[in-house]
Amino acid sequence: MNKLDILKPALEGRHSEILEYQVNIDNYTRAIAKIDAEHTDNPAMVGFKDRLQELLESSKTEQLKAIIIRDVIAEQVTELEVS
């Protein structure tokens, strides 16, 4: 097994990780909008919305980290495939 054999599956894993974060980001965004539209009079839902906003920001940060690592892996795969 060589470096390229290790990097290719790692690249696919990062693609999946980024997609998983995007699903969470989309879900949190929609849930926040739903609470704003339908549940602003419910204190428990307002607290839940605050937690969702924290999770949304955290997911965006973690997704960006995964994107950076994915890009670094992709660069290495390209370099190794060319050489």
PDB file of N, CA and C in Angstrom:
ATOM      1  N   MET A   1       0.849  -1.172   0.000  1.00  0.00           N
ATOM      2  CA  MET A   1       0.000   0.000   0.000  1.00  0.00           C
ATOM      3  C   MET A   1       0.898   1.239   0.000  1.00  0.00           C
ATOM      4  N   ASN A   2       0.541   2.197  -0.833  1.00  0.00           N
ATOM      5  CA  ASN A   2       1.327   3.427  -0.889  1.00  0.00           C
ATOM      6  C   ASN A   2       0.473   4.623  -0.441  1.00  0.00           C
ATOM      7  N   LYS A   3       1.075   5.779  -0.458  1.00  0.00           N
ATOM      8  CA  LYS A   3       0.405   6.985   0.027  1.00  0.00           C
ATOM      9  C   LYS A   3      -0.867   7.270  -0.769  1.00  0.00           C
ATOM     10  N   LEU A   4      -0.821   7.104  -2.079  1.00  0.00           N
ATOM     11  CA  LEU A   4      -1.992   7.353  -2.918  1.00  0.00           C
ATOM     12  C   LEU A   4      -3.145   6.425  -2.543  1.00  0.00           C
ATOM     13  N   ASP A   5      -2.819   5.164  -2.249  1.00  0.00           N
ATOM     14  CA  ASP A   5      -3.847   4.198  -1.847  1.00  0.00           C
ATOM     15  C   ASP A   5      -4.522   4.591  -0.530  1.00  0.00           C
ATOM     16  N   ILE A   6      -3.820   5.305   0.295  1.00  0.00           N
ATOM     17  CA  ILE A   6      -4.375   5.772   1.570  1.00  0.00           C
ATOM     18  C   ILE A   6      -5.153   7.066   1.374  1.00  0.00           C
ATOM     19  N   LEU A   7      -4.630   7.951   0.534  1.00  0.00           N
ATOM     20  CA  LEU A   7      -5.252   9.262   0.356  1.00  0.00           C
ATOM     21  C   LEU A   7      -6.588   9.205  -0.385  1.00  0.00           C
ATOM     22  N   LYS A   8      -6.720   8.317  -1.361  1.00  0.00           N
ATOM     23  CA  LYS A   8      -7.973   8.268  -2.135  1.00  0.00           C
ATOM     24  C   LYS A   8      -9.195   7.965  -1.270  1.00  0.00           C
ATOM     25  N   PRO A   9      -9.155   6.934  -0.418  1.00  0.00           N
ATOM     26  CA  PRO A   9     -10.314   6.708   0.457  1.00  0.00           C
ATOM     27  C   PRO A   9     -10.509   7.836   1.480  1.00  0.00           C
ATOM     28  N   ALA A  10      -9.402   8.433   1.907  1.00  0.00           N
ATOM     29  CA  ALA A  10      -9.499   9.556   2.844  1.00  0.00           C
ATOM     30  C   ALA A  10     -10.236  10.722   2.189  1.00  0.00           C
ATOM     31  N   LEU A  11      -9.985  10.930   0.914  1.00  0.00           N
ATOM     32  CA  LEU A  11     -10.656  11.993   0.172  1.00  0.00           C
ATOM     33  C   LEU A  11     -12.162  11.725   0.100  1.00  0.00           C
ATOM     34  N   GLU A  12     -12.524  10.501  -0.189  1.00  0.00           N
ATOM     35  CA  GLU A  12     -13.944  10.136  -0.236  1.00  0.00           C
ATOM     36  C   GLU A  12     -14.596  10.328   1.135  1.00  0.00           C
ATOM     37  N   GLY A  13     -13.864   9.989   2.179  1.00  0.00           N
ATOM     38  CA  GLY A  13     -14.384  10.177   3.536  1.00  0.00           C
ATOM     39  C   GLY A  13     -14.656  11.639   3.839  1.00  0.00           C
ATOM     40  N   ARG A  14     -13.777  12.504   3.381  1.00  0.00           N
ATOM     41  CA  ARG A  14     -13.979  13.950   3.605  1.00  0.00           C
ATOM     42  C   ARG A  14     -15.188  14.455   2.828  1.00  0.00           C
ATOM     43  N   HIS A  15     -15.391  13.950   1.613  1.00  0.00           N
ATOM     44  CA  HIS A  15     -16.577  14.342   0.842  1.00  0.00           C
ATOM     45  C   HIS A  15     -17.842  13.989   1.628  1.00  0.00           C
ATOM     46  N   SER A  16     -17.871  12.795   2.199  1.00  0.00           N
ATOM     47  CA  SER A  16     -19.031  12.355   2.988  1.00  0.00           C
ATOM     48  C   SER A  16     -19.203  13.211   4.240  1.00  0.00           C
ATOM     49  N   GLU A  17     -18.100  13.498   4.897  1.00  0.00           N
ATOM     50  CA  GLU A  17     -18.147  14.314   6.110  1.00  0.00           C
ATOM     51  C   GLU A  17     -18.717  15.694   5.810  1.00  0.00           C
ATOM     52  N   ILE A  18     -18.277  16.304   4.721  1.00  0.00           N
ATOM     53  CA  ILE A  18     -18.757  17.632   4.332  1.00  0.00           C
ATOM     54  C   ILE A  18     -20.253  17.582   4.041  1.00  0.00           C
ATOM     55  N   LEU A  19     -20.703  16.538   3.362  1.00  0.00           N
ATOM     56  CA  LEU A  19     -22.124  16.391   3.069  1.00  0.00           C
ATOM     57  C   LEU A  19     -22.936  16.218   4.350  1.00  0.00           C
ATOM     58  N   GLU A  20     -22.429  15.449   5.289  1.00  0.00           N
ATOM     59  CA  GLU A  20     -23.127  15.264   6.566  1.00  0.00           C
ATOM     60  C   GLU A  20     -23.279  16.594   7.306  1.00  0.00           C
ATOM     61  N   TYR A  21     -22.220  17.394   7.313  1.00  0.00           N
ATOM     62  CA  TYR A  21     -22.323  18.714   7.930  1.00  0.00           C
ATOM     63  C   TYR A  21     -23.362  19.558   7.199  1.00  0.00           C
ATOM     64  N   GLN A  22     -23.404  19.468   5.866  1.00  0.00           N
ATOM     65  CA  GLN A  22     -24.356  20.272   5.114  1.00  0.00           C
ATOM     66  C   GLN A  22     -25.790  19.880   5.431  1.00  0.00           C
ATOM     67  N   VAL A  23     -26.043  18.592   5.598  1.00  0.00           N
ATOM     68  CA  VAL A  23     -27.385  18.136   5.980  1.00  0.00           C
ATOM     69  C   VAL A  23     -27.773  18.751   7.327  1.00  0.00           C
ATOM     70  N   ASN A  24     -26.860  18.720   8.290  1.00  0.00           N
ATOM     71  CA  ASN A  24     -27.140  19.326   9.596  1.00  0.00           C
ATOM     72  C   ASN A  24     -27.363  20.826   9.474  1.00  0.00           C
ATOM     73  N   ILE A  25     -26.541  21.498   8.696  1.00  0.00           N
ATOM     74  CA  ILE A  25     -26.683  22.945   8.500  1.00  0.00           C
ATOM     75  C   ILE A  25     -28.053  23.257   7.918  1.00  0.00           C
ATOM     76  N   ASP A  26     -28.451  22.507   6.905  1.00  0.00           N
ATOM     77  CA  ASP A  26     -29.769  22.723   6.290  1.00  0.00           C
ATOM     78  C   ASP A  26     -30.892  22.465   7.293  1.00  0.00           C
ATOM     79  N   ASN A  27     -30.781  21.385   8.055  1.00  0.00           N
ATOM     80  CA  ASN A  27     -31.819  21.063   9.043  1.00  0.00           C
ATOM     81  C   ASN A  27     -31.916  22.124  10.134  1.00  0.00           C
ATOM     82  N   TYR A  28     -30.792  22.560  10.653  1.00  0.00           N
ATOM     83  CA  TYR A  28     -30.806  23.581  11.706  1.00  0.00           C
ATOM     84  C   TYR A  28     -31.392  24.883  11.176  1.00  0.00           C
ATOM     85  N   THR A  29     -31.015  25.261   9.964  1.00  0.00           N
ATOM     86  CA  THR A  29     -31.516  26.499   9.368  1.00  0.00           C
ATOM     87  C   THR A  29     -33.031  26.447   9.205  1.00  0.00           C
ATOM     88  N   ARG A  30     -33.528  25.333   8.706  1.00  0.00           N
ATOM     89  CA  ARG A  30     -34.978  25.187   8.516  1.00  0.00           C
ATOM     90  C   ARG A  30     -35.717  25.159   9.851  1.00  0.00           C
ATOM     91  N   ALA A  31     -35.147  24.486  10.840  1.00  0.00           N
ATOM     92  CA  ALA A  31     -35.788  24.418  12.151  1.00  0.00           C
ATOM     93  C   ALA A  31     -35.851  25.799  12.799  1.00  0.00           C
ATOM     94  N   ILE A  32     -34.789  26.563  12.681  1.00  0.00           N
ATOM     95  CA  ILE A  32     -34.769  27.930  13.218  1.00  0.00           C
ATOM     96  C   ILE A  32     -35.853  28.762  12.560  1.00  0.00           C
ATOM     97  N   ALA A  33     -35.980  28.668  11.243  1.00  0.00           N
ATOM     98  CA  ALA A  33     -37.007  29.417  10.520  1.00  0.00           C
ATOM     99  C   ALA A  33     -38.405  28.977  10.955  1.00  0.00           C
ATOM    100  N   LYS A  34     -38.598  27.691  11.162  1.00  0.00           N
ATOM    101  CA  LYS A  34     -39.906  27.169  11.583  1.00  0.00           C
ATOM    102  C   LYS A  34     -40.268  27.684  12.975  1.00  0.00           C
ATOM    103  N   ILE A  35     -39.301  27.694  13.867  1.00  0.00           N
ATOM    104  CA  ILE A  35     -39.550  28.225  15.208  1.00  0.00           C
ATOM    105  C   ILE A  35     -39.896  29.699  15.120  1.00  0.00           C
ATOM    106  N   ASP A  36     -39.159  30.460  14.317  1.00  0.00           N
ATOM    107  CA  ASP A  36     -39.443  31.885  14.150  1.00  0.00           C
ATOM    108  C   ASP A  36     -40.844  32.121  13.589  1.00  0.00           C
ATOM    109  N   ALA A  37     -41.290  31.243  12.693  1.00  0.00           N
ATOM    110  CA  ALA A  37     -42.584  31.423  12.041  1.00  0.00           C
ATOM    111  C   ALA A  37     -43.754  30.924  12.880  1.00  0.00           C
ATOM    112  N   GLU A  38     -43.514  29.881  13.703  1.00  0.00           N
ATOM    113  CA  GLU A  38     -44.656  29.212  14.332  1.00  0.00           C
ATOM    114  C   GLU A  38     -44.612  29.100  15.846  1.00  0.00           C
ATOM    115  N   HIS A  39     -43.480  29.393  16.463  1.00  0.00           N
ATOM    116  CA  HIS A  39     -43.370  29.073  17.890  1.00  0.00           C
ATOM    117  C   HIS A  39     -42.697  30.162  18.724  1.00  0.00           C
ATOM    118  N   THR A  40     -42.783  31.406  18.298  1.00  0.00           N
ATOM    119  CA  THR A  40     -42.098  32.473  19.038  1.00  0.00           C
ATOM    120  C   THR A  40     -42.717  32.732  20.409  1.00  0.00           C
ATOM    121  N   ASP A  41     -43.940  32.268  20.614  1.00  0.00           N
ATOM    122  CA  ASP A  41     -44.606  32.480  21.892  1.00  0.00           C
ATOM    123  C   ASP A  41     -44.328  31.367  22.901  1.00  0.00           C
ATOM    124  N   ASN A  42     -43.533  30.396  22.523  1.00  0.00           N
ATOM    125  CA  ASN A  42     -43.226  29.257  23.391  1.00  0.00           C
ATOM    126  C   ASN A  42     -41.797  29.390  23.908  1.00  0.00           C
ATOM    127  N   PRO A  43     -41.638  29.719  25.197  1.00  0.00           N
ATOM    128  CA  PRO A  43     -40.294  29.915  25.751  1.00  0.00           C
ATOM    129  C   PRO A  43     -39.373  28.708  25.570  1.00  0.00           C
ATOM    130  N   ALA A  44     -39.914  27.518  25.658  1.00  0.00           N
ATOM    131  CA  ALA A  44     -39.085  26.322  25.489  1.00  0.00           C
ATOM    132  C   ALA A  44     -38.530  26.247  24.070  1.00  0.00           C
ATOM    133  N   MET A  45     -39.336  26.633  23.103  1.00  0.00           N
ATOM    134  CA  MET A  45     -38.880  26.595  21.709  1.00  0.00           C
ATOM    135  C   MET A  45     -37.876  27.713  21.427  1.00  0.00           C
ATOM    136  N   VAL A  46     -38.017  28.822  22.114  1.00  0.00           N
ATOM    137  CA  VAL A  46     -37.038  29.905  21.966  1.00  0.00           C
ATOM    138  C   VAL A  46     -35.679  29.434  22.492  1.00  0.00           C
ATOM    139  N   GLY A  47     -35.680  28.731  23.608  1.00  0.00           N
ATOM    140  CA  GLY A  47     -34.435  28.164  24.130  1.00  0.00           C
ATOM    141  C   GLY A  47     -33.847  27.124  23.193  1.00  0.00           C
ATOM    142  N   PHE A  48     -34.723  26.310  22.616  1.00  0.00           N
ATOM    143  CA  PHE A  48     -34.288  25.308  21.642  1.00  0.00           C
ATOM    144  C   PHE A  48     -33.677  25.987  20.428  1.00  0.00           C
ATOM    145  N   LYS A  49     -34.293  27.077  19.982  1.00  0.00           N
ATOM    146  CA  LYS A  49     -33.768  27.832  18.839  1.00  0.00           C
ATOM    147  C   LYS A  49     -32.360  28.351  19.147  1.00  0.00           C
ATOM    148  N   ASP A  50     -32.157  28.846  20.350  1.00  0.00           N
ATOM    149  CA  ASP A  50     -30.822  29.329  20.734  1.00  0.00           C
ATOM    150  C   ASP A  50     -29.792  28.208  20.625  1.00  0.00           C
ATOM    151  N   ARG A  51     -30.161  27.014  21.074  1.00  0.00           N
ATOM    152  CA  ARG A  51     -29.246  25.860  20.983  1.00  0.00           C
ATOM    153  C   ARG A  51     -28.997  25.485  19.528  1.00  0.00           C
ATOM    154  N   LEU A  52     -30.055  25.537  18.713  1.00  0.00           N
ATOM    155  CA  LEU A  52     -29.893  25.243  17.287  1.00  0.00           C
ATOM    156  C   LEU A  52     -28.943  26.235  16.617  1.00  0.00           C
ATOM    157  N   GLN A  53     -29.024  27.486  17.010  1.00  0.00           N
ATOM    158  CA  GLN A  53     -28.125  28.489  16.434  1.00  0.00           C
ATOM    159  C   GLN A  53     -26.671  28.194  16.802  1.00  0.00           C
ATOM    160  N   GLU A  54     -26.445  27.738  18.022  1.00  0.00           N
ATOM    161  CA  GLU A  54     -25.091  27.344  18.424  1.00  0.00           C
ATOM    162  C   GLU A  54     -24.615  26.147  17.597  1.00  0.00           C
ATOM    163  N   LEU A  55     -25.492  25.165  17.439  1.00  0.00           N
ATOM    164  CA  LEU A  55     -25.134  23.987  16.643  1.00  0.00           C
ATOM    165  C   LEU A  55     -24.885  24.361  15.186  1.00  0.00           C
ATOM    166  N   LEU A  56     -25.665  25.295  14.672  1.00  0.00           N
ATOM    167  CA  LEU A  56     -25.491  25.753  13.293  1.00  0.00           C
ATOM    168  C   LEU A  56     -24.111  26.367  13.104  1.00  0.00           C
ATOM    169  N   GLU A  57     -23.731  27.248  13.991  1.00  0.00           N
ATOM    170  CA  GLU A  57     -22.417  27.894  13.875  1.00  0.00           C
ATOM    171  C   GLU A  57     -21.292  26.877  14.030  1.00  0.00           C
ATOM    172  N   SER A  58     -21.443  25.967  14.951  1.00  0.00           N
ATOM    173  CA  SER A  58     -20.437  24.926  15.157  1.00  0.00           C
ATOM    174  C   SER A  58     -20.314  24.040  13.912  1.00  0.00           C
ATOM    175  N   SER A  59     -21.438  23.672  13.330  1.00  0.00           N
ATOM    176  CA  SER A  59     -21.413  22.822  12.128  1.00  0.00           C
ATOM    177  C   SER A  59     -20.753  23.545  10.960  1.00  0.00           C
ATOM    178  N   LYS A  60     -21.017  24.832  10.831  1.00  0.00           N
ATOM    179  CA  LYS A  60     -20.381  25.601   9.757  1.00  0.00           C
ATOM    180  C   LYS A  60     -18.863  25.631   9.942  1.00  0.00           C
ATOM    181  N   THR A  61     -18.421  25.814  11.163  1.00  0.00           N
ATOM    182  CA  THR A  61     -16.986  25.841  11.456  1.00  0.00           C
ATOM    183  C   THR A  61     -16.347  24.489  11.171  1.00  0.00           C
ATOM    184  N   GLU A  62     -16.983  23.426  11.661  1.00  0.00           N
ATOM    185  CA  GLU A  62     -16.436  22.091  11.452  1.00  0.00           C
ATOM    186  C   GLU A  62     -16.452  21.705   9.976  1.00  0.00           C
ATOM    187  N   GLN A  63     -17.476  22.129   9.260  1.00  0.00           N
ATOM    188  CA  GLN A  63     -17.527  21.853   7.821  1.00  0.00           C
ATOM    189  C   GLN A  63     -16.375  22.549   7.103  1.00  0.00           C
ATOM    190  N   LEU A  64     -16.092  23.780   7.466  1.00  0.00           N
ATOM    191  CA  LEU A  64     -14.979  24.498   6.840  1.00  0.00           C
ATOM    192  C   LEU A  64     -13.652  23.807   7.126  1.00  0.00           C
ATOM    193  N   LYS A  65     -13.480  23.317   8.334  1.00  0.00           N
ATOM    194  CA  LYS A  65     -12.263  22.560   8.649  1.00  0.00           C
ATOM    195  C   LYS A  65     -12.149  21.329   7.750  1.00  0.00           C
ATOM    196  N   ALA A  66     -13.255  20.625   7.581  1.00  0.00           N
ATOM    197  CA  ALA A  66     -13.262  19.428   6.730  1.00  0.00           C
ATOM    198  C   ALA A  66     -12.980  19.794   5.273  1.00  0.00           C
ATOM    199  N   ILE A  67     -13.494  20.929   4.823  1.00  0.00           N
ATOM    200  CA  ILE A  67     -13.237  21.393   3.449  1.00  0.00           C
ATOM    201  C   ILE A  67     -11.752  21.673   3.259  1.00  0.00           C
ATOM    202  N   ILE A  68     -11.138  22.313   4.237  1.00  0.00           N
ATOM    203  CA  ILE A  68      -9.704  22.620   4.144  1.00  0.00           C
ATOM    204  C   ILE A  68      -8.895  21.333   4.052  1.00  0.00           C
ATOM    205  N   ILE A  69      -9.183  20.373   4.908  1.00  0.00           N
ATOM    206  CA  ILE A  69      -8.448  19.109   4.876  1.00  0.00           C
ATOM    207  C   ILE A  69      -8.732  18.359   3.577  1.00  0.00           C
ATOM    208  N   ARG A  70      -9.982  18.371   3.121  1.00  0.00           N
ATOM    209  CA  ARG A  70     -10.312  17.730   1.845  1.00  0.00           C
ATOM    210  C   ARG A  70      -9.478  18.318   0.709  1.00  0.00           C
ATOM    211  N   ASP A  71      -9.384  19.645   0.689  1.00  0.00           N
ATOM    212  CA  ASP A  71      -8.621  20.310  -0.365  1.00  0.00           C
ATOM    213  C   ASP A  71      -7.141  19.930  -0.312  1.00  0.00           C
ATOM    214  N   VAL A  72      -6.592  19.828   0.895  1.00  0.00           N
ATOM    215  CA  VAL A  72      -5.192  19.440   1.058  1.00  0.00           C
ATOM    216  C   VAL A  72      -4.983  18.003   0.564  1.00  0.00           C
ATOM    217  N   ILE A  73      -5.902  17.122   0.912  1.00  0.00           N
ATOM    218  CA  ILE A  73      -5.804  15.735   0.446  1.00  0.00           C
ATOM    219  C   ILE A  73      -5.924  15.676  -1.070  1.00  0.00           C
ATOM    220  N   ALA A  74      -6.872  16.426  -1.629  1.00  0.00           N
ATOM    221  CA  ALA A  74      -7.071  16.432  -3.086  1.00  0.00           C
ATOM    222  C   ALA A  74      -5.823  16.929  -3.813  1.00  0.00           C
ATOM    223  N   GLU A  75      -5.166  17.937  -3.264  1.00  0.00           N
ATOM    224  CA  GLU A  75      -3.929  18.436  -3.859  1.00  0.00           C
ATOM    225  C   GLU A  75      -2.860  17.344  -3.889  1.00  0.00           C
ATOM    226  N   GLN A  76      -2.749  16.605  -2.801  1.00  0.00           N
ATOM    227  CA  GLN A  76      -1.748  15.535  -2.733  1.00  0.00           C
ATOM    228  C   GLN A  76      -2.078  14.413  -3.715  1.00  0.00           C
ATOM    229  N   VAL A  77      -3.353  14.059  -3.827  1.00  0.00           N
ATOM    230  CA  VAL A  77      -3.762  13.024  -4.778  1.00  0.00           C
ATOM    231  C   VAL A  77      -3.399  13.454  -6.189  1.00  0.00           C
ATOM    232  N   THR A  78      -3.681  14.689  -6.546  1.00  0.00           N
ATOM    233  CA  THR A  78      -3.347  15.195  -7.882  1.00  0.00           C
ATOM    234  C   THR A  78      -1.848  15.155  -8.120  1.00  0.00           C
ATOM    235  N   GLU A  79      -1.092  15.600  -7.137  1.00  0.00           N
ATOM    236  CA  GLU A  79       0.376  15.584  -7.280  1.00  0.00           C
ATOM    237  C   GLU A  79       0.892  14.166  -7.479  1.00  0.00           C
ATOM    238  N   LEU A  80       0.370  13.220  -6.728  1.00  0.00           N
ATOM    239  CA  LEU A  80       0.854  11.839  -6.827  1.00  0.00           C
ATOM    240  C   LEU A  80       0.406  11.175  -8.126  1.00  0.00           C
ATOM    241  N   GLU A  81      -0.763  11.518  -8.610  1.00  0.00           N
ATOM    242  CA  GLU A  81      -1.242  10.928  -9.855  1.00  0.00           C
ATOM    243  C   GLU A  81      -0.472  11.471 -11.055  1.00  0.00           C
ATOM    244  N   VAL A  82      -0.004  12.712 -10.975  1.00  0.00           N
ATOM    245  CA  VAL A  82       0.764  13.328 -12.054  1.00  0.00           C
ATOM    246  C   VAL A  82       2.188  12.771 -12.098  1.00  0.00           C
ATOM    247  N   SER A  83       2.735  12.492 -10.925  1.00  0.00           N
ATOM    248  CA  SER A  83       4.143  12.036 -10.881  1.00  0.00           C
ATOM    249  C   SER A  83       4.303  10.570 -11.160  1.00  0.00           C
TER     250      SER A  83
END
